[in-house]
Amino acid sequence: MEFEDNKQKTGIITSRECPLCGHHEIGYTTMDGEFHPMRPGSLVQVLEEPETPATHQEDMAVHQEMGKEIKADLTGYKAWVPAPVRNDRDLRMKYGVLLREELLAGKITGEIYESLYLSKIVYLIEQRPGTPLPVLLDRFFAAPQLASGLPRQIAANLWQELDEIKQPALLACEWLEKQDEDSLARMIHPRSKDELTDQPVSDAEFKKELEELTMEGFLELL
């Protein structure tokens, strides 16, 4: 059977909720982000090239380069979290991010926070926890397929496919914009202000906590 070049598409197997009816469906997402559902009778072409030593070395170099954003030198970074939740350990681990000291001199906007939050996800992926990431994603979300690719690709997959991953950033951004009681209540839900623990922490201790946070620990907080 012959195939026309303009009908061939390459993508990564992913899953999503159908925007029309909400049911879970499997398909593939092309490099431009377009989702194509897989139906009975769909033709699938699987391309798997054997990994050569050179290819492996190149992949490792990319991983190392991507990890430099935070991991290469943490001496110039500080830990930051919305002030109302700083003294509650679980919430500061959930919402806390690492940022360069010079950013603290200005206002942390929602756009800045979202970028820092995604960098946090990349950092956690890079930590190589004892439990493989596909196993963790299968345990918490039944979505091991999202662990495919380089750290930033995986982080983008998690952001796009899992509301549980995206929600903390959206709630923190809402509080940064409004800083009112309603946005705070949504950020700490299902707890109330009276239920928050009071565990003051120094800047150095807070930073160390975030450095030692694992992906498994973070997912448990969600």
N, C-alpha and C. Protein backbone atom coordinates (compact mmCIF):
# COMPACT_ATOMS: atom_id res chain seq x y z
N MET A 1 0.85 -1.20 0.00
CA MET A 1 0.00 0.00 0.00
C MET A 1 0.88 1.24 0.00
N GLU A 2 0.58 2.20 -0.84
CA GLU A 2 1.37 3.41 -0.93
C GLU A 2 0.73 4.52 -0.09
N PHE A 3 1.58 5.36 0.48
CA PHE A 3 1.11 6.48 1.29
C PHE A 3 1.60 7.78 0.68
N GLU A 4 0.73 8.76 0.67
CA GLU A 4 1.14 10.08 0.20
C GLU A 4 1.89 10.80 1.29
N ASP A 5 2.98 11.45 0.95
CA ASP A 5 3.82 12.12 1.94
C ASP A 5 3.05 13.15 2.74
N ASN A 6 2.11 13.85 2.08
CA ASN A 6 1.41 14.91 2.78
C ASN A 6 0.37 14.38 3.76
N LYS A 7 0.17 13.05 3.80
CA LYS A 7 -0.76 12.47 4.75
C LYS A 7 -0.05 11.77 5.89
N GLN A 8 1.27 11.70 5.83
CA GLN A 8 2.03 11.08 6.89
C GLN A 8 2.28 12.11 8.00
N LYS A 9 2.02 11.73 9.22
CA LYS A 9 2.24 12.60 10.36
C LYS A 9 3.00 11.84 11.43
N THR A 10 3.87 12.54 12.12
CA THR A 10 4.65 11.95 13.19
C THR A 10 4.26 12.60 14.50
N GLY A 11 4.08 11.80 15.54
CA GLY A 11 3.71 12.37 16.83
C GLY A 11 4.04 11.43 17.96
N ILE A 12 3.63 11.83 19.17
CA ILE A 12 3.84 11.05 20.37
C ILE A 12 2.50 10.56 20.88
N ILE A 13 2.42 9.30 21.28
CA ILE A 13 1.18 8.76 21.82
C ILE A 13 0.82 9.49 23.11
N THR A 14 -0.38 10.04 23.18
CA THR A 14 -0.84 10.78 24.35
C THR A 14 -2.30 10.43 24.61
N SER A 15 -2.83 10.98 25.69
CA SER A 15 -4.25 10.79 26.00
C SER A 15 -4.84 12.12 26.41
N ARG A 16 -6.15 12.25 26.32
CA ARG A 16 -6.82 13.47 26.72
C ARG A 16 -8.29 13.18 26.96
N GLU A 17 -9.00 14.14 27.53
CA GLU A 17 -10.44 14.08 27.61
C GLU A 17 -11.02 14.75 26.37
N CYS A 18 -11.96 14.10 25.73
CA CYS A 18 -12.59 14.67 24.53
C CYS A 18 -13.25 15.99 24.89
N PRO A 19 -12.96 17.08 24.17
CA PRO A 19 -13.56 18.37 24.49
C PRO A 19 -15.07 18.42 24.24
N LEU A 20 -15.60 17.46 23.51
CA LEU A 20 -17.03 17.45 23.20
C LEU A 20 -17.85 16.67 24.21
N CYS A 21 -17.36 15.47 24.57
CA CYS A 21 -18.16 14.62 25.46
C CYS A 21 -17.46 14.29 26.76
N GLY A 22 -16.16 14.60 26.87
CA GLY A 22 -15.45 14.39 28.13
C GLY A 22 -14.91 12.99 28.35
N HIS A 23 -15.12 12.07 27.41
CA HIS A 23 -14.61 10.72 27.62
C HIS A 23 -13.11 10.70 27.36
N HIS A 24 -12.43 9.70 27.95
CA HIS A 24 -10.98 9.59 27.82
C HIS A 24 -10.66 8.95 26.48
N GLU A 25 -9.75 9.55 25.72
CA GLU A 25 -9.40 8.98 24.44
C GLU A 25 -7.89 9.00 24.23
N ILE A 26 -7.44 8.02 23.48
CA ILE A 26 -6.02 7.86 23.16
C ILE A 26 -5.78 8.32 21.73
N GLY A 27 -4.67 8.98 21.52
CA GLY A 27 -4.31 9.42 20.18
C GLY A 27 -2.84 9.76 20.14
N TYR A 28 -2.46 10.58 19.18
CA TYR A 28 -1.08 11.04 19.13
C TYR A 28 -1.07 12.54 18.89
N THR A 29 -0.09 13.19 19.49
CA THR A 29 0.07 14.63 19.36
C THR A 29 1.28 14.92 18.49
N THR A 30 1.08 15.67 17.42
CA THR A 30 2.17 16.01 16.52
C THR A 30 3.05 17.09 17.12
N MET A 31 4.18 17.34 16.47
CA MET A 31 5.14 18.28 17.00
C MET A 31 4.60 19.70 17.10
N ASP A 32 3.56 20.01 16.32
CA ASP A 32 2.96 21.33 16.38
C ASP A 32 1.84 21.40 17.42
N GLY A 33 1.67 20.32 18.22
CA GLY A 33 0.70 20.32 19.30
C GLY A 33 -0.69 19.88 18.91
N GLU A 34 -0.90 19.43 17.68
CA GLU A 34 -2.22 19.02 17.22
C GLU A 34 -2.51 17.58 17.64
N PHE A 35 -3.64 17.36 18.27
CA PHE A 35 -4.02 16.03 18.75
C PHE A 35 -4.84 15.30 17.69
N HIS A 36 -4.50 14.04 17.42
CA HIS A 36 -5.23 13.21 16.47
C HIS A 36 -5.71 11.96 17.19
N PRO A 37 -7.03 11.78 17.39
CA PRO A 37 -7.52 10.58 18.06
C PRO A 37 -7.28 9.34 17.22
N MET A 38 -7.03 8.22 17.90
CA MET A 38 -6.84 6.94 17.23
C MET A 38 -8.16 6.18 17.27
N ARG A 39 -8.63 5.74 16.11
CA ARG A 39 -9.90 5.03 15.99
C ARG A 39 -9.66 3.60 15.53
N PRO A 40 -10.59 2.71 15.80
CA PRO A 40 -10.45 1.35 15.26
C PRO A 40 -10.24 1.41 13.75
N GLY A 41 -9.23 0.70 13.28
CA GLY A 41 -8.92 0.70 11.86
C GLY A 41 -7.88 1.73 11.47
N SER A 42 -7.46 2.59 12.45
CA SER A 42 -6.43 3.59 12.12
C SER A 42 -5.12 2.89 11.79
N LEU A 43 -4.44 3.40 10.78
CA LEU A 43 -3.13 2.88 10.43
C LEU A 43 -2.08 3.57 11.29
N VAL A 44 -1.18 2.79 11.85
CA VAL A 44 -0.15 3.33 12.73
C VAL A 44 1.21 2.90 12.21
N GLN A 45 2.13 3.84 12.13
CA GLN A 45 3.50 3.54 11.73
C GLN A 45 4.40 3.84 12.91
N VAL A 46 5.12 2.84 13.39
CA VAL A 46 6.02 3.00 14.53
C VAL A 46 7.44 3.06 14.03
N LEU A 47 8.13 4.12 14.33
CA LEU A 47 9.52 4.31 13.91
C LEU A 47 10.40 4.28 15.14
N GLU A 48 11.21 3.24 15.26
CA GLU A 48 12.13 3.13 16.39
C GLU A 48 13.52 2.88 15.85
N GLU A 49 14.39 3.85 16.01
CA GLU A 49 15.75 3.69 15.54
C GLU A 49 16.62 3.17 16.67
N PRO A 50 17.51 2.21 16.40
CA PRO A 50 18.40 1.73 17.45
C PRO A 50 19.29 2.85 17.92
N GLU A 51 19.47 2.91 19.23
CA GLU A 51 20.26 4.00 19.81
C GLU A 51 21.74 3.69 19.67
N THR A 52 22.48 4.60 19.06
CA THR A 52 23.92 4.46 18.93
C THR A 52 24.60 5.16 20.09
N PRO A 53 25.85 4.81 20.38
CA PRO A 53 26.56 5.50 21.46
C PRO A 53 26.58 7.01 21.27
N ALA A 54 26.74 7.46 20.03
CA ALA A 54 26.78 8.90 19.78
C ALA A 54 25.44 9.55 20.12
N THR A 55 24.33 8.86 19.70
CA THR A 55 23.01 9.39 19.99
C THR A 55 22.78 9.47 21.49
N HIS A 56 23.21 8.44 22.23
CA HIS A 56 23.04 8.43 23.67
C HIS A 56 23.81 9.58 24.31
N GLN A 57 25.03 9.81 23.83
CA GLN A 57 25.83 10.89 24.39
C GLN A 57 25.19 12.24 24.10
N GLU A 58 24.63 12.40 22.92
CA GLU A 58 23.97 13.66 22.59
C GLU A 58 22.76 13.88 23.48
N ASP A 59 21.97 12.81 23.71
CA ASP A 59 20.80 12.93 24.59
C ASP A 59 21.22 13.30 26.00
N MET A 60 22.30 12.68 26.50
CA MET A 60 22.76 13.00 27.85
C MET A 60 23.22 14.45 27.93
N ALA A 61 23.86 14.92 26.87
CA ALA A 61 24.32 16.31 26.86
C ALA A 61 23.14 17.26 26.91
N VAL A 62 22.06 16.94 26.19
CA VAL A 62 20.87 17.78 26.21
C VAL A 62 20.25 17.77 27.60
N HIS A 63 20.17 16.60 28.23
CA HIS A 63 19.62 16.51 29.59
C HIS A 63 20.43 17.38 30.54
N GLN A 64 21.76 17.29 30.46
CA GLN A 64 22.60 18.05 31.36
C GLN A 64 22.45 19.54 31.12
N GLU A 65 22.38 19.94 29.86
CA GLU A 65 22.25 21.35 29.54
C GLU A 65 20.92 21.89 30.05
N MET A 66 19.86 21.13 29.90
CA MET A 66 18.55 21.59 30.34
C MET A 66 18.49 21.69 31.86
N GLY A 67 19.26 20.85 32.55
CA GLY A 67 19.26 20.89 33.99
C GLY A 67 20.05 22.05 34.56
N LYS A 68 20.84 22.74 33.75
CA LYS A 68 21.68 23.81 34.26
C LYS A 68 20.88 24.99 34.77
N GLU A 69 19.66 25.16 34.29
CA GLU A 69 18.88 26.32 34.66
C GLU A 69 18.79 26.48 36.17
N ILE A 70 18.67 25.37 36.90
CA ILE A 70 18.62 25.45 38.35
C ILE A 70 19.75 24.65 38.99
N LYS A 71 20.06 23.48 38.44
CA LYS A 71 20.93 22.56 39.13
C LYS A 71 22.41 22.96 39.08
N ALA A 72 22.84 23.67 38.06
CA ALA A 72 24.26 23.93 37.91
C ALA A 72 24.83 24.73 39.07
N ASP A 73 24.12 25.73 39.52
CA ASP A 73 24.63 26.57 40.59
C ASP A 73 23.45 27.17 41.34
N LEU A 74 23.20 26.66 42.53
CA LEU A 74 22.07 27.13 43.32
C LEU A 74 22.45 28.26 44.27
N THR A 75 23.71 28.67 44.26
CA THR A 75 24.13 29.71 45.20
C THR A 75 23.45 31.04 44.91
N GLY A 76 23.05 31.27 43.67
CA GLY A 76 22.40 32.53 43.33
C GLY A 76 20.89 32.47 43.37
N TYR A 77 20.34 31.41 43.95
CA TYR A 77 18.90 31.23 43.98
C TYR A 77 18.35 31.35 45.40
N LYS A 78 17.10 31.77 45.47
CA LYS A 78 16.36 31.84 46.72
C LYS A 78 15.05 31.08 46.57
N ALA A 79 14.53 30.63 47.69
CA ALA A 79 13.22 29.99 47.69
C ALA A 79 12.15 31.05 47.91
N TRP A 80 11.04 30.91 47.20
CA TRP A 80 9.95 31.89 47.31
C TRP A 80 8.61 31.16 47.27
N VAL A 81 7.65 31.69 48.02
CA VAL A 81 6.30 31.14 48.03
C VAL A 81 5.35 32.28 48.42
N PRO A 82 4.08 32.26 47.99
CA PRO A 82 3.15 33.28 48.46
C PRO A 82 3.16 33.37 49.98
N ALA A 83 3.27 34.59 50.49
CA ALA A 83 3.47 34.82 51.92
C ALA A 83 2.46 34.12 52.83
N PRO A 84 1.16 34.07 52.49
CA PRO A 84 0.20 33.48 53.42
C PRO A 84 0.43 32.00 53.73
N VAL A 85 1.16 31.29 52.86
CA VAL A 85 1.35 29.85 53.08
C VAL A 85 2.78 29.49 53.45
N ARG A 86 3.61 30.47 53.68
CA ARG A 86 5.03 30.19 53.94
C ARG A 86 5.24 29.35 55.19
N ASN A 87 4.45 29.53 56.22
CA ASN A 87 4.69 28.84 57.48
C ASN A 87 4.02 27.46 57.56
N ASP A 88 3.39 27.03 56.49
CA ASP A 88 2.80 25.69 56.43
C ASP A 88 3.67 24.85 55.50
N ARG A 89 4.32 23.82 56.05
CA ARG A 89 5.31 23.09 55.27
C ARG A 89 4.73 22.46 54.00
N ASP A 90 3.60 21.78 54.12
CA ASP A 90 3.03 21.13 52.94
C ASP A 90 2.72 22.14 51.84
N LEU A 91 2.17 23.29 52.22
CA LEU A 91 1.80 24.28 51.22
C LEU A 91 3.02 24.99 50.64
N ARG A 92 4.03 25.22 51.46
CA ARG A 92 5.22 25.87 50.87
C ARG A 92 5.99 24.91 49.97
N MET A 93 5.88 23.59 50.22
CA MET A 93 6.48 22.63 49.32
C MET A 93 5.67 22.53 48.02
N LYS A 94 4.37 22.66 48.14
CA LYS A 94 3.49 22.58 46.97
C LYS A 94 3.65 23.80 46.08
N TYR A 95 3.69 24.99 46.68
CA TYR A 95 3.70 26.23 45.91
C TYR A 95 5.08 26.87 45.81
N GLY A 96 6.03 26.40 46.61
CA GLY A 96 7.35 27.04 46.62
C GLY A 96 8.12 26.84 45.33
N VAL A 97 8.88 27.85 44.93
CA VAL A 97 9.72 27.79 43.73
C VAL A 97 11.09 28.37 44.04
N LEU A 98 12.05 28.06 43.21
CA LEU A 98 13.39 28.63 43.30
C LEU A 98 13.55 29.69 42.23
N LEU A 99 14.12 30.83 42.61
CA LEU A 99 14.32 31.91 41.65
C LEU A 99 15.60 32.64 41.95
N ARG A 100 16.11 33.31 40.95
CA ARG A 100 17.34 34.08 41.14
C ARG A 100 17.09 35.26 42.08
N GLU A 101 18.10 35.59 42.86
CA GLU A 101 17.96 36.63 43.88
C GLU A 101 17.50 37.96 43.29
N GLU A 102 17.98 38.29 42.09
CA GLU A 102 17.63 39.58 41.52
C GLU A 102 16.14 39.72 41.24
N LEU A 103 15.44 38.58 41.05
CA LEU A 103 14.00 38.64 40.81
C LEU A 103 13.24 39.07 42.06
N LEU A 104 13.82 38.84 43.23
CA LEU A 104 13.15 39.20 44.47
C LEU A 104 13.03 40.71 44.62
N ALA A 105 13.86 41.46 43.90
CA ALA A 105 13.82 42.92 44.00
C ALA A 105 12.59 43.50 43.31
N GLY A 106 11.99 42.73 42.42
CA GLY A 106 10.81 43.20 41.70
C GLY A 106 9.56 42.46 42.12
N LYS A 107 8.48 42.72 41.43
CA LYS A 107 7.20 42.08 41.73
C LYS A 107 7.13 40.72 41.04
N ILE A 108 6.73 39.71 41.80
CA ILE A 108 6.54 38.38 41.22
C ILE A 108 5.14 38.35 40.62
N THR A 109 5.08 38.40 39.31
CA THR A 109 3.79 38.38 38.61
C THR A 109 3.36 36.95 38.34
N GLY A 110 2.13 36.79 37.91
CA GLY A 110 1.64 35.46 37.57
C GLY A 110 2.44 34.83 36.45
N GLU A 111 2.83 35.64 35.46
CA GLU A 111 3.61 35.12 34.34
C GLU A 111 4.97 34.61 34.80
N ILE A 112 5.62 35.37 35.69
CA ILE A 112 6.91 34.94 36.23
C ILE A 112 6.74 33.67 37.05
N TYR A 113 5.70 33.65 37.90
CA TYR A 113 5.50 32.48 38.75
C TYR A 113 5.26 31.23 37.92
N GLU A 114 4.45 31.33 36.88
CA GLU A 114 4.16 30.17 36.04
C GLU A 114 5.44 29.61 35.43
N SER A 115 6.33 30.49 34.98
CA SER A 115 7.59 30.05 34.42
C SER A 115 8.45 29.35 35.47
N LEU A 116 8.49 29.92 36.68
CA LEU A 116 9.26 29.32 37.77
C LEU A 116 8.68 27.97 38.18
N TYR A 117 7.37 27.87 38.16
CA TYR A 117 6.70 26.63 38.54
C TYR A 117 7.04 25.52 37.53
N LEU A 118 7.03 25.85 36.24
CA LEU A 118 7.38 24.86 35.23
C LEU A 118 8.85 24.45 35.36
N SER A 119 9.72 25.42 35.73
CA SER A 119 11.12 25.08 35.97
C SER A 119 11.25 24.14 37.16
N LYS A 120 10.38 24.32 38.15
CA LYS A 120 10.37 23.42 39.29
C LYS A 120 10.03 22.00 38.86
N ILE A 121 9.03 21.85 37.98
CA ILE A 121 8.66 20.53 37.50
C ILE A 121 9.83 19.89 36.75
N VAL A 122 10.50 20.67 35.90
CA VAL A 122 11.67 20.17 35.18
C VAL A 122 12.74 19.71 36.17
N TYR A 123 12.98 20.53 37.19
CA TYR A 123 13.97 20.21 38.21
C TYR A 123 13.63 18.90 38.90
N LEU A 124 12.38 18.70 39.26
CA LEU A 124 11.96 17.47 39.93
C LEU A 124 12.13 16.26 39.02
N ILE A 125 11.83 16.43 37.74
CA ILE A 125 12.01 15.34 36.78
C ILE A 125 13.48 14.97 36.67
N GLU A 126 14.34 15.97 36.72
CA GLU A 126 15.79 15.74 36.60
C GLU A 126 16.39 15.03 37.80
N GLN A 127 15.67 15.00 38.92
CA GLN A 127 16.24 14.44 40.13
C GLN A 127 16.44 12.93 40.08
N ARG A 128 15.85 12.27 39.10
CA ARG A 128 15.99 10.82 38.95
C ARG A 128 15.64 10.10 40.24
N PRO A 129 14.38 10.15 40.69
CA PRO A 129 14.00 9.50 41.95
C PRO A 129 14.17 7.99 41.88
N GLY A 130 14.21 7.35 43.04
CA GLY A 130 14.37 5.91 43.08
C GLY A 130 13.28 5.20 42.31
N THR A 131 12.06 5.72 42.38
CA THR A 131 10.95 5.15 41.62
C THR A 131 10.91 5.79 40.23
N PRO A 132 10.98 5.02 39.16
CA PRO A 132 10.97 5.61 37.80
C PRO A 132 9.73 6.47 37.59
N LEU A 133 9.91 7.54 36.83
CA LEU A 133 8.82 8.48 36.60
C LEU A 133 7.59 7.83 35.97
N PRO A 134 7.73 6.94 34.97
CA PRO A 134 6.51 6.31 34.43
C PRO A 134 5.72 5.56 35.50
N VAL A 135 6.42 4.95 36.45
CA VAL A 135 5.74 4.23 37.52
C VAL A 135 4.98 5.21 38.41
N LEU A 136 5.62 6.36 38.73
CA LEU A 136 4.96 7.37 39.55
C LEU A 136 3.71 7.91 38.85
N LEU A 137 3.84 8.21 37.56
CA LEU A 137 2.70 8.76 36.83
C LEU A 137 1.59 7.74 36.68
N ASP A 138 1.94 6.47 36.62
CA ASP A 138 0.92 5.43 36.56
C ASP A 138 0.24 5.28 37.92
N ARG A 139 1.01 5.42 38.99
CA ARG A 139 0.45 5.27 40.34
C ARG A 139 -0.51 6.41 40.67
N PHE A 140 -0.13 7.64 40.35
CA PHE A 140 -0.93 8.79 40.75
C PHE A 140 -2.01 9.17 39.73
N PHE A 141 -1.72 8.95 38.44
CA PHE A 141 -2.64 9.46 37.41
C PHE A 141 -3.02 8.43 36.36
N ALA A 142 -2.48 7.21 36.43
CA ALA A 142 -2.70 6.21 35.38
C ALA A 142 -2.31 6.78 34.02
N ALA A 143 -1.16 7.47 33.98
CA ALA A 143 -0.73 8.11 32.73
C ALA A 143 0.78 7.95 32.53
N PRO A 144 1.28 6.72 32.52
CA PRO A 144 2.74 6.53 32.36
C PRO A 144 3.27 7.03 31.03
N GLN A 145 2.39 7.11 30.01
CA GLN A 145 2.83 7.52 28.68
C GLN A 145 3.33 8.97 28.65
N LEU A 146 2.97 9.76 29.66
CA LEU A 146 3.39 11.16 29.67
C LEU A 146 4.85 11.33 30.06
N ALA A 147 5.51 10.25 30.46
CA ALA A 147 6.91 10.33 30.89
C ALA A 147 7.88 10.20 29.72
N SER A 148 7.40 10.29 28.52
CA SER A 148 8.25 10.12 27.34
C SER A 148 8.85 11.44 26.90
N GLY A 149 10.16 11.43 26.64
CA GLY A 149 10.82 12.62 26.11
C GLY A 149 11.82 13.21 27.08
N LEU A 150 12.35 14.37 26.72
CA LEU A 150 13.28 15.10 27.57
C LEU A 150 12.51 15.83 28.66
N PRO A 151 13.20 16.25 29.74
CA PRO A 151 12.51 16.85 30.89
C PRO A 151 11.53 17.95 30.55
N ARG A 152 11.90 18.89 29.68
CA ARG A 152 10.98 19.97 29.36
C ARG A 152 9.79 19.47 28.54
N GLN A 153 10.01 18.47 27.71
CA GLN A 153 8.89 17.88 26.98
C GLN A 153 7.93 17.18 27.94
N ILE A 154 8.50 16.46 28.90
CA ILE A 154 7.66 15.78 29.89
C ILE A 154 6.88 16.80 30.71
N ALA A 155 7.57 17.86 31.15
CA ALA A 155 6.88 18.89 31.94
C ALA A 155 5.74 19.51 31.14
N ALA A 156 5.96 19.74 29.85
CA ALA A 156 4.90 20.29 29.00
C ALA A 156 3.74 19.31 28.88
N ASN A 157 4.07 18.00 28.77
CA ASN A 157 3.02 16.98 28.71
C ASN A 157 2.18 16.98 29.98
N LEU A 158 2.86 17.04 31.13
CA LEU A 158 2.15 17.03 32.40
C LEU A 158 1.25 18.25 32.53
N TRP A 159 1.77 19.41 32.12
CA TRP A 159 1.01 20.66 32.20
C TRP A 159 -0.23 20.59 31.31
N GLN A 160 -0.07 20.04 30.13
CA GLN A 160 -1.17 20.02 29.16
C GLN A 160 -2.23 18.98 29.51
N GLU A 161 -1.81 17.83 30.04
CA GLU A 161 -2.73 16.70 30.20
C GLU A 161 -3.30 16.54 31.60
N LEU A 162 -2.61 17.06 32.63
CA LEU A 162 -3.03 16.78 34.01
C LEU A 162 -3.41 18.06 34.73
N ASP A 163 -4.68 18.21 35.02
CA ASP A 163 -5.13 19.40 35.75
C ASP A 163 -4.49 19.49 37.13
N GLU A 164 -4.22 18.33 37.75
CA GLU A 164 -3.62 18.33 39.08
C GLU A 164 -2.24 18.97 39.08
N ILE A 165 -1.52 18.86 37.99
CA ILE A 165 -0.20 19.47 37.88
C ILE A 165 -0.33 20.97 37.65
N LYS A 166 -1.25 21.36 36.81
CA LYS A 166 -1.40 22.77 36.44
C LYS A 166 -2.09 23.61 37.52
N GLN A 167 -3.00 23.00 38.26
CA GLN A 167 -3.85 23.77 39.17
C GLN A 167 -3.08 24.61 40.21
N PRO A 168 -2.05 24.07 40.87
CA PRO A 168 -1.34 24.90 41.86
C PRO A 168 -0.82 26.21 41.26
N ALA A 169 -0.27 26.15 40.06
CA ALA A 169 0.24 27.36 39.43
C ALA A 169 -0.89 28.34 39.12
N LEU A 170 -2.01 27.83 38.63
CA LEU A 170 -3.13 28.71 38.31
C LEU A 170 -3.69 29.37 39.57
N LEU A 171 -3.77 28.61 40.66
CA LEU A 171 -4.29 29.17 41.91
C LEU A 171 -3.34 30.21 42.48
N ALA A 172 -2.04 29.93 42.42
CA ALA A 172 -1.06 30.90 42.92
C ALA A 172 -1.08 32.16 42.06
N CYS A 173 -1.22 32.01 40.75
CA CYS A 173 -1.29 33.17 39.87
C CYS A 173 -2.53 34.02 40.17
N GLU A 174 -3.64 33.35 40.46
CA GLU A 174 -4.85 34.08 40.81
C GLU A 174 -4.64 34.89 42.09
N TRP A 175 -3.99 34.28 43.09
CA TRP A 175 -3.74 35.00 44.33
C TRP A 175 -2.79 36.18 44.10
N LEU A 176 -1.78 35.98 43.27
CA LEU A 176 -0.84 37.06 42.98
C LEU A 176 -1.55 38.25 42.33
N GLU A 177 -2.55 37.96 41.52
CA GLU A 177 -3.28 39.03 40.85
C GLU A 177 -4.25 39.74 41.79
N LYS A 178 -4.96 38.97 42.62
CA LYS A 178 -6.04 39.55 43.44
C LYS A 178 -5.63 39.78 44.89
N GLN A 179 -4.90 38.83 45.46
CA GLN A 179 -4.46 38.88 46.86
C GLN A 179 -5.64 39.20 47.80
N ASP A 180 -6.73 38.47 47.60
CA ASP A 180 -7.89 38.65 48.46
C ASP A 180 -8.22 37.35 49.17
N GLU A 181 -9.22 37.38 50.04
CA GLU A 181 -9.57 36.22 50.85
C GLU A 181 -10.10 35.07 49.99
N ASP A 182 -10.84 35.38 48.96
CA ASP A 182 -11.41 34.33 48.11
C ASP A 182 -10.32 33.57 47.37
N SER A 183 -9.37 34.28 46.79
CA SER A 183 -8.29 33.60 46.06
C SER A 183 -7.40 32.82 47.02
N LEU A 184 -7.21 33.33 48.24
CA LEU A 184 -6.44 32.58 49.23
C LEU A 184 -7.18 31.31 49.63
N ALA A 185 -8.49 31.40 49.82
CA ALA A 185 -9.28 30.23 50.19
C ALA A 185 -9.18 29.15 49.12
N ARG A 186 -9.19 29.55 47.87
CA ARG A 186 -9.09 28.56 46.78
C ARG A 186 -7.68 27.96 46.74
N MET A 187 -6.68 28.76 47.08
CA MET A 187 -5.31 28.27 47.02
C MET A 187 -5.04 27.23 48.11
N ILE A 188 -5.66 27.37 49.29
CA ILE A 188 -5.38 26.44 50.38
C ILE A 188 -6.46 25.35 50.53
N HIS A 189 -7.50 25.40 49.68
CA HIS A 189 -8.58 24.40 49.73
C HIS A 189 -7.99 22.99 49.64
N PRO A 190 -8.48 22.02 50.41
CA PRO A 190 -9.72 22.02 51.20
C PRO A 190 -9.54 22.49 52.64
N ARG A 191 -8.39 23.05 52.96
CA ARG A 191 -8.17 23.53 54.32
C ARG A 191 -8.64 24.98 54.43
N SER A 192 -8.75 25.44 55.68
CA SER A 192 -9.10 26.83 55.95
C SER A 192 -7.90 27.52 56.59
N LYS A 193 -7.96 28.83 56.72
CA LYS A 193 -6.87 29.57 57.34
C LYS A 193 -6.61 29.09 58.75
N ASP A 194 -7.66 28.74 59.48
CA ASP A 194 -7.51 28.30 60.86
C ASP A 194 -6.82 26.94 60.96
N GLU A 195 -6.83 26.20 59.87
CA GLU A 195 -6.22 24.86 59.87
C GLU A 195 -4.76 24.88 59.44
N LEU A 196 -4.27 26.02 58.98
CA LEU A 196 -2.88 26.09 58.53
C LEU A 196 -1.94 25.94 59.73
N THR A 197 -0.89 25.16 59.54
CA THR A 197 0.10 25.01 60.60
C THR A 197 1.01 26.21 60.62
N ASP A 198 1.64 26.43 61.75
CA ASP A 198 2.55 27.57 61.91
C ASP A 198 3.95 27.03 62.17
N GLN A 199 4.70 26.86 61.09
CA GLN A 199 6.06 26.32 61.18
C GLN A 199 7.03 27.30 60.51
N PRO A 200 7.41 28.36 61.22
CA PRO A 200 8.33 29.35 60.65
C PRO A 200 9.61 28.67 60.16
N VAL A 201 10.13 29.16 59.05
CA VAL A 201 11.31 28.56 58.46
C VAL A 201 12.22 29.66 57.95
N SER A 202 13.51 29.50 58.10
CA SER A 202 14.46 30.48 57.59
C SER A 202 14.59 30.34 56.08
N ASP A 203 15.15 31.35 55.44
CA ASP A 203 15.35 31.29 53.99
C ASP A 203 16.23 30.10 53.61
N ALA A 204 17.28 29.87 54.38
CA ALA A 204 18.21 28.78 54.08
C ALA A 204 17.52 27.43 54.24
N GLU A 205 16.72 27.27 55.29
CA GLU A 205 16.01 26.02 55.51
C GLU A 205 14.97 25.78 54.42
N PHE A 206 14.28 26.83 54.03
CA PHE A 206 13.27 26.72 52.99
C PHE A 206 13.90 26.29 51.67
N LYS A 207 15.02 26.90 51.34
CA LYS A 207 15.72 26.55 50.10
C LYS A 207 16.16 25.08 50.14
N LYS A 208 16.68 24.65 51.28
CA LYS A 208 17.13 23.26 51.40
C LYS A 208 15.95 22.30 51.25
N GLU A 209 14.80 22.65 51.80
CA GLU A 209 13.61 21.81 51.65
C GLU A 209 13.26 21.63 50.18
N LEU A 210 13.27 22.72 49.42
CA LEU A 210 12.93 22.63 48.00
C LEU A 210 13.97 21.84 47.22
N GLU A 211 15.24 22.01 47.57
CA GLU A 211 16.29 21.27 46.89
C GLU A 211 16.13 19.77 47.10
N GLU A 212 15.64 19.38 48.26
CA GLU A 212 15.53 17.96 48.60
C GLU A 212 14.17 17.37 48.24
N LEU A 213 13.24 18.19 47.78
CA LEU A 213 11.93 17.71 47.39
C LEU A 213 12.05 16.78 46.18
N THR A 214 11.37 15.64 46.22
CA THR A 214 11.37 14.70 45.11
C THR A 214 10.05 14.79 44.34
N MET A 215 10.04 14.27 43.15
CA MET A 215 8.80 14.25 42.37
C MET A 215 7.73 13.44 43.10
N GLU A 216 8.12 12.33 43.71
CA GLU A 216 7.15 11.52 44.43
C GLU A 216 6.54 12.31 45.58
N GLY A 217 7.39 13.04 46.33
CA GLY A 217 6.88 13.85 47.43
C GLY A 217 5.97 14.95 46.95
N PHE A 218 6.31 15.55 45.81
CA PHE A 218 5.49 16.62 45.26
C PHE A 218 4.13 16.09 44.80
N LEU A 219 4.12 14.96 44.13
CA LEU A 219 2.86 14.39 43.66
C LEU A 219 1.97 14.00 44.83
N GLU A 220 2.55 13.56 45.92
CA GLU A 220 1.75 13.23 47.09
C GLU A 220 1.05 14.47 47.65
N LEU A 221 1.70 15.63 47.53
CA LEU A 221 1.10 16.88 48.01
C LEU A 221 -0.10 17.29 47.17
N LEU A 222 -0.14 16.85 45.92
CA LEU A 222 -1.23 17.23 45.03
C LEU A 222 -2.49 16.43 45.31
